[in-house]
Protein backbone atom coordinates (compact mmCIF):
# COMPACT_ATOMS: atom_id res chain seq x y z
CA MET A 1 -16.63 -6.39 -5.01
CA GLU A 2 -16.23 -3.95 -2.96
CA LEU A 3 -13.12 -5.18 -1.43
CA GLU A 4 -12.02 -5.41 -4.66
CA SER A 5 -12.57 -2.40 -5.86
CA ILE A 6 -10.46 -0.81 -2.55
CA SER A 7 -7.72 -3.01 -2.91
CA ILE A 8 -7.59 -1.67 -6.97
CA ALA A 9 -7.73 1.51 -5.32
CA LEU A 10 -4.70 1.74 -3.64
CA GLU A 11 -1.94 -0.19 -5.66
CA ILE A 12 -3.05 2.61 -8.11
CA SER A 13 -1.92 4.57 -5.49
CA ARG A 14 0.80 2.85 -4.86
CA ARG A 15 2.32 3.19 -8.51
CA LYS A 16 1.88 6.56 -8.42
CA ASN A 17 3.47 7.56 -5.19
CA HIS A 18 6.47 5.36 -6.49
CA ILE A 19 5.81 7.27 -10.05
CA GLU A 20 6.12 10.32 -7.94
CA GLN A 21 9.45 9.61 -5.67
CA HIS A 22 11.13 8.32 -8.50
CA ASN A 23 10.53 11.26 -10.38
CA LEU A 24 9.79 9.23 -13.73
CA ASP A 25 9.26 10.97 -16.53
CA GLU A 26 6.37 10.33 -18.50
CA GLU A 27 7.10 7.17 -20.18
CA ASN A 28 9.15 5.75 -18.42
CA ALA A 29 6.21 5.34 -16.01
CA PHE A 30 4.53 4.18 -17.76
CA GLN A 31 6.65 1.54 -19.02
CA TRP A 32 7.22 0.81 -14.94
CA PHE A 33 3.39 0.72 -14.90
CA LEU A 34 2.48 -2.25 -17.19
CA LYS A 35 6.05 -4.15 -15.82
CA SER A 36 4.05 -4.10 -12.19
CA ALA A 37 0.75 -5.32 -13.80
CA GLU A 38 1.94 -7.48 -15.69
CA GLY A 39 4.03 -8.73 -12.26
CA GLY A 40 7.85 -7.98 -14.08
CA LYS A 41 10.13 -10.47 -12.03
CA ASN A 42 12.21 -6.55 -10.68
CA PHE A 43 8.83 -5.69 -9.14
CA GLU A 44 10.10 -4.19 -5.96
CA HIS A 45 12.91 -2.45 -7.98
CA PRO A 46 11.69 -1.17 -10.98
CA LEU A 47 13.78 1.52 -11.92
CA GLU A 48 16.39 -1.57 -12.72
CA TYR A 49 14.29 -1.65 -16.31
CA PHE A 50 15.03 1.87 -17.85
CA TYR A 51 19.33 1.36 -16.91
């Protein structure tokens, strides 16, 4: 259980860092976060969702 919590925290941190690196606005950041949580097929290139 503790390992799962650490894994989730690391994933959230990774996504937050990605959002900050690409200066996504609030709506695009939220949409990307949802897509990545769903295992979207462009997970490694999430900005493709917005262009």
